[in-house]
Amino acid sequence: TTGKEIVTVCRDPEWEIEMKYMKEKADAGAQFIITQMFLDPQVYVDYVKACKDWGINIPVVPGIMCLNNFGGLERMTELCKTRVPPGLMEEARVANTTDDA
């Protein structure tokens, strides 16, 4: 190993199937991609690179989700399987003023 942290994007068993499907959509005329919400910008950077590696050359628009309270943040990160940067949830919990989550 190089000692560098390796960050991956959606490397579940369906990754290759999903990328092939995305390539098919792009080749069929899709004009852009909108991602799921993400909290770690490196996830977006890595996904855009993966799209280029697959020959997907359409714009990739970052998905945005407005979250009004900490409980919503917890639910949506779990539902979307969003990678959360270290310390973010703890900081959000401390900063929360809108619910008792």
Protein backbone atom coordinates (compact mmCIF):
# COMPACT_ATOMS: atom_id res chain seq x y z
CA THR A 1 0.00 0.00 0.00
CA THR A 2 0.97 3.63 -0.46
CA GLY A 3 -0.27 4.83 2.91
CA LYS A 4 -2.87 7.02 1.22
CA GLU A 5 -6.53 6.76 2.08
CA ILE A 6 -8.54 5.16 -0.71
CA VAL A 7 -12.04 6.59 -1.17
CA THR A 8 -14.51 4.63 -3.26
CA VAL A 9 -17.94 5.42 -4.65
CA CYS A 10 -20.78 2.90 -4.30
CA ARG A 11 -18.60 -0.16 -4.55
CA ASP A 12 -21.36 -2.56 -3.70
CA PRO A 13 -22.00 -5.73 -5.74
CA GLU A 14 -24.24 -3.78 -8.13
CA TRP A 15 -21.60 -1.14 -9.03
CA GLU A 16 -20.71 -2.51 -12.45
CA ILE A 17 -24.36 -3.18 -13.33
CA GLU A 18 -25.30 0.38 -12.32
CA MET A 19 -22.45 1.93 -14.31
CA LYS A 20 -23.33 -0.10 -17.41
CA TYR A 21 -26.93 1.05 -17.06
CA MET A 22 -25.81 4.68 -16.64
CA LYS A 23 -23.66 4.34 -19.78
CA GLU A 24 -26.65 2.97 -21.69
CA LYS A 25 -28.76 5.94 -20.57
CA ALA A 26 -26.06 8.40 -21.63
CA ASP A 27 -25.62 6.68 -24.98
CA ALA A 28 -29.40 6.73 -25.50
CA GLY A 29 -29.44 10.52 -25.23
CA ALA A 30 -29.51 11.49 -21.55
CA GLN A 31 -28.29 15.06 -21.28
CA PHE A 32 -27.12 15.02 -17.66
CA ILE A 33 -27.00 12.97 -14.45
CA ILE A 34 -28.27 14.14 -11.05
CA THR A 35 -26.62 12.33 -8.14
CA GLN A 36 -28.13 11.30 -4.85
CA MET A 37 -27.38 13.65 -1.98
CA PHE A 38 -23.86 13.46 -0.62
CA LEU A 39 -22.06 15.12 2.27
CA ASP A 40 -18.48 14.28 1.35
CA PRO A 41 -17.32 16.19 -1.75
CA GLN A 42 -14.74 13.50 -2.54
CA VAL A 43 -17.59 11.09 -3.23
CA TYR A 44 -18.79 13.42 -6.00
CA VAL A 45 -15.28 13.89 -7.41
CA ASP A 46 -14.73 10.12 -7.48
CA TYR A 47 -18.11 9.49 -9.13
CA VAL A 48 -17.46 12.04 -11.87
CA LYS A 49 -14.09 10.39 -12.53
CA ALA A 50 -15.72 6.95 -12.64
CA CYS A 51 -18.25 8.24 -15.18
CA LYS A 52 -15.41 9.53 -17.37
CA ASP A 53 -13.62 6.18 -17.01
CA TRP A 54 -16.79 4.47 -18.27
CA GLY A 55 -17.01 6.86 -21.22
CA ILE A 56 -19.95 8.75 -19.74
CA ASN A 57 -19.31 12.29 -20.89
CA ILE A 58 -22.41 14.22 -19.87
CA PRO A 59 -22.60 16.70 -16.97
CA VAL A 60 -22.99 15.23 -13.48
CA VAL A 61 -25.07 17.58 -11.33
CA PRO A 62 -24.68 17.28 -7.54
CA GLY A 63 -27.92 16.19 -5.88
CA ILE A 64 -29.09 18.54 -3.16
CA MET A 65 -31.50 17.80 -0.34
CA CYS A 66 -32.53 20.49 2.11
CA LEU A 67 -32.59 19.08 5.61
CA ASN A 68 -34.41 21.10 8.25
CA ASN A 69 -33.34 19.28 11.39
CA PHE A 70 -30.93 16.73 12.78
CA GLY A 71 -33.52 13.94 12.77
CA GLY A 72 -34.01 14.47 9.04
CA LEU A 73 -30.26 14.37 8.49
CA GLU A 74 -30.00 11.07 10.36
CA ARG A 75 -32.92 9.50 8.47
CA MET A 76 -31.79 10.60 5.02
CA THR A 77 -28.14 9.62 5.46
CA GLU A 78 -29.28 6.16 6.54
CA LEU A 79 -31.92 5.84 3.79
CA CYS A 80 -29.54 7.00 1.03
CA LYS A 81 -26.54 5.17 2.53
CA THR A 82 -24.71 8.49 2.44
CA ARG A 83 -21.06 8.45 3.45
CA VAL A 84 -20.68 10.94 6.29
CA PRO A 85 -17.30 12.60 6.87
CA PRO A 86 -15.80 11.95 10.31
CA GLY A 87 -17.16 14.31 12.94
CA LEU A 88 -19.98 15.76 10.81
CA MET A 89 -22.84 14.04 12.65
CA GLU A 90 -21.43 15.01 16.03
CA GLU A 91 -21.07 18.65 14.93
CA ALA A 92 -24.59 18.63 13.47
CA ARG A 93 -26.02 17.17 16.68
CA VAL A 94 -24.38 19.93 18.74
CA ALA A 95 -25.52 22.65 16.32
CA ASN A 96 -29.10 21.31 16.14
CA THR A 97 -31.71 23.74 17.48
CA THR A 98 -34.85 22.47 15.76
CA ASP A 99 -35.65 19.09 17.31
CA ASP A 100 -34.73 16.65 20.07
CA ALA A 101 -32.97 14.07 17.89
